[in-house]
Amino acid sequence: MTATKKKWSAEVTEHSDALDLEDHVFESDDAKKIAASLKRSAEHSHRRKAEPFQSAMSMLNFYINRAGKNLPAARKKMLEDAKDELRAAFGREKDD
């Protein structure tokens, strides 16, 4: 992957209109902490254009999709678990 592409996704994560992220949110090893951080960020962001749940889930999906093939299986599973924790934090049911 070229440096330009890496910079592009980092730029989106840093400056997107989805929401203002807390530093190092995706580095946590705790799915609940990631979900809680995304929820806080989504609820307090002045840059998001959608509802808090949608913005938080979109940013989590973006991160998983951009880093996906470079993530170890255990890390990817933990981030997928964060989706379920995020749904629970917002009182949403998982779509089957």
C-alpha atoms as a PDB file:
ATOM      1  CA  MET A   1       0.000   0.000   0.000  1.00  0.00           C
ATOM      2  CA  THR A   2       1.358   3.396  -0.874  1.00  0.00           C
ATOM      3  CA  ALA A   3       1.906   6.173   1.612  1.00  0.00           C
ATOM      4  CA  THR A   4      -0.742   8.227  -0.167  1.00  0.00           C
ATOM      5  CA  LYS A   5      -3.444   5.655   0.502  1.00  0.00           C
ATOM      6  CA  LYS A   6      -2.397   5.329   4.142  1.00  0.00           C
ATOM      7  CA  LYS A   7      -2.537   9.079   4.506  1.00  0.00           C
ATOM      8  CA  TRP A   8      -5.957   9.143   2.849  1.00  0.00           C
ATOM      9  CA  SER A   9      -7.588   6.802   5.371  1.00  0.00           C
ATOM     10  CA  ALA A  10      -5.802   8.445   8.293  1.00  0.00           C
ATOM     11  CA  GLU A  11      -7.020  11.798   6.989  1.00  0.00           C
ATOM     12  CA  VAL A  12     -10.613  10.516   6.830  1.00  0.00           C
ATOM     13  CA  THR A  13     -10.424   9.081  10.338  1.00  0.00           C
ATOM     14  CA  GLU A  14      -8.970  12.340  11.638  1.00  0.00           C
ATOM     15  CA  HIS A  15     -11.067  14.882   9.746  1.00  0.00           C
ATOM     16  CA  SER A  16     -14.236  13.207   8.526  1.00  0.00           C
ATOM     17  CA  ASP A  17     -17.656  14.690   9.090  1.00  0.00           C
ATOM     18  CA  ALA A  18     -18.742  11.491  10.816  1.00  0.00           C
ATOM     19  CA  LEU A  19     -17.608  12.521  14.309  1.00  0.00           C
ATOM     20  CA  ASP A  20     -14.751  13.761  16.454  1.00  0.00           C
ATOM     21  CA  LEU A  21     -12.874  10.728  17.777  1.00  0.00           C
ATOM     22  CA  GLU A  22     -11.043  10.407  21.062  1.00  0.00           C
ATOM     23  CA  ASP A  23      -7.315   9.729  20.610  1.00  0.00           C
ATOM     24  CA  HIS A  24      -6.340   6.079  20.110  1.00  0.00           C
ATOM     25  CA  VAL A  25      -9.927   4.849  20.373  1.00  0.00           C
ATOM     26  CA  PHE A  26      -9.306   1.836  18.134  1.00  0.00           C
ATOM     27  CA  GLU A  27      -6.184   0.766  20.021  1.00  0.00           C
ATOM     28  CA  SER A  28      -8.060  -0.444  23.100  1.00  0.00           C
ATOM     29  CA  ASP A  29      -8.258  -4.185  23.756  1.00  0.00           C
ATOM     30  CA  ASP A  30     -11.726  -3.833  25.284  1.00  0.00           C
ATOM     31  CA  ALA A  31     -14.755  -3.854  22.959  1.00  0.00           C
ATOM     32  CA  LYS A  32     -16.898  -2.101  25.597  1.00  0.00           C
ATOM     33  CA  LYS A  33     -14.376   0.721  25.944  1.00  0.00           C
ATOM     34  CA  ILE A  34     -14.258   1.224  22.168  1.00  0.00           C
ATOM     35  CA  ALA A  35     -18.062   1.274  21.992  1.00  0.00           C
ATOM     36  CA  ALA A  36     -18.336   3.673  24.936  1.00  0.00           C
ATOM     37  CA  SER A  37     -15.759   6.009  23.400  1.00  0.00           C
ATOM     38  CA  LEU A  38     -17.507   5.985  20.021  1.00  0.00           C
ATOM     39  CA  LYS A  39     -20.848   6.637  21.718  1.00  0.00           C
ATOM     40  CA  ARG A  40     -19.431   9.587  23.681  1.00  0.00           C
ATOM     41  CA  SER A  41     -17.803  10.995  20.567  1.00  0.00           C
ATOM     42  CA  ALA A  42     -20.954  10.619  18.486  1.00  0.00           C
ATOM     43  CA  GLU A  43     -23.169  12.226  21.102  1.00  0.00           C
ATOM     44  CA  HIS A  44     -20.845  15.193  21.595  1.00  0.00           C
ATOM     45  CA  SER A  45     -19.589  15.751  18.060  1.00  0.00           C
ATOM     46  CA  HIS A  46     -20.613  18.899  16.260  1.00  0.00           C
ATOM     47  CA  ARG A  47     -19.305  17.555  12.949  1.00  0.00           C
ATOM     48  CA  ARG A  48     -21.531  14.533  12.484  1.00  0.00           C
ATOM     49  CA  LYS A  49     -24.265  14.702   9.875  1.00  0.00           C
ATOM     50  CA  ALA A  50     -26.275  11.630  10.926  1.00  0.00           C
ATOM     51  CA  GLU A  51     -27.757  10.354  14.166  1.00  0.00           C
ATOM     52  CA  PRO A  52     -25.194   9.388  16.847  1.00  0.00           C
ATOM     53  CA  PHE A  53     -25.632   5.609  16.449  1.00  0.00           C
ATOM     54  CA  GLN A  54     -25.240   5.746  12.682  1.00  0.00           C
ATOM     55  CA  SER A  55     -22.181   7.991  12.891  1.00  0.00           C
ATOM     56  CA  ALA A  56     -20.489   5.819  15.513  1.00  0.00           C
ATOM     57  CA  MET A  57     -21.191   2.580  13.643  1.00  0.00           C
ATOM     58  CA  SER A  58     -20.056   4.113  10.358  1.00  0.00           C
ATOM     59  CA  MET A  59     -16.715   5.122  11.838  1.00  0.00           C
ATOM     60  CA  LEU A  60     -16.196   1.678  13.362  1.00  0.00           C
ATOM     61  CA  ASN A  61     -17.048   0.000  10.055  1.00  0.00           C
ATOM     62  CA  PHE A  62     -14.759   2.388   8.197  1.00  0.00           C
ATOM     63  CA  TYR A  63     -11.871   1.512  10.493  1.00  0.00           C
ATOM     64  CA  ILE A  64     -12.495  -2.232  10.188  1.00  0.00           C
ATOM     65  CA  ASN A  65     -12.788  -2.041   6.406  1.00  0.00           C
ATOM     66  CA  ARG A  66      -9.658   0.096   5.953  1.00  0.00           C
ATOM     67  CA  ALA A  67      -7.478  -1.910   8.351  1.00  0.00           C
ATOM     68  CA  GLY A  68      -9.226  -5.261   7.879  1.00  0.00           C
ATOM     69  CA  LYS A  69      -6.775  -7.290   5.854  1.00  0.00           C
ATOM     70  CA  ASN A  70      -3.873  -6.070   7.980  1.00  0.00           C
ATOM     71  CA  LEU A  71      -5.515  -6.911  11.311  1.00  0.00           C
ATOM     72  CA  PRO A  72      -4.827 -10.165  13.124  1.00  0.00           C
ATOM     73  CA  ALA A  73      -7.952 -12.355  13.416  1.00  0.00           C
ATOM     74  CA  ALA A  74      -8.217 -11.815  17.180  1.00  0.00           C
ATOM     75  CA  ARG A  75      -8.062  -8.017  16.759  1.00  0.00           C
ATOM     76  CA  LYS A  76     -10.664  -8.054  14.013  1.00  0.00           C
ATOM     77  CA  LYS A  77     -12.952 -10.217  16.181  1.00  0.00           C
ATOM     78  CA  MET A  78     -12.572  -7.753  19.065  1.00  0.00           C
ATOM     79  CA  LEU A  79     -13.545  -4.877  16.755  1.00  0.00           C
ATOM     80  CA  GLU A  80     -16.518  -6.881  15.474  1.00  0.00           C
ATOM     81  CA  ASP A  81     -17.493  -7.451  19.121  1.00  0.00           C
ATOM     82  CA  ALA A  82     -17.331  -3.674  19.573  1.00  0.00           C
ATOM     83  CA  LYS A  83     -20.176  -3.416  17.034  1.00  0.00           C
ATOM     84  CA  ASP A  84     -22.383  -5.529  19.296  1.00  0.00           C
ATOM     85  CA  GLU A  85     -21.343  -3.448  22.306  1.00  0.00           C
ATOM     86  CA  LEU A  86     -22.152  -0.282  20.371  1.00  0.00           C
ATOM     87  CA  ARG A  87     -25.596  -1.609  19.484  1.00  0.00           C
ATOM     88  CA  ALA A  88     -26.185  -2.466  23.139  1.00  0.00           C
ATOM     89  CA  ALA A  89     -24.970   0.972  24.269  1.00  0.00           C
ATOM     90  CA  PHE A  90     -27.542   2.606  21.993  1.00  0.00           C
ATOM     91  CA  GLY A  91     -30.282   0.087  22.873  1.00  0.00           C
ATOM     92  CA  ARG A  92     -30.352  -1.376  19.358  1.00  0.00           C
ATOM     93  CA  GLU A  93     -31.048  -4.976  18.385  1.00  0.00           C
ATOM     94  CA  LYS A  94     -28.603  -6.841  16.167  1.00  0.00           C
ATOM     95  CA  ASP A  95     -30.009  -7.494  12.693  1.00  0.00           C
ATOM     96  CA  ASP A  96     -29.910 -11.212  11.964  1.00  0.00           C
END
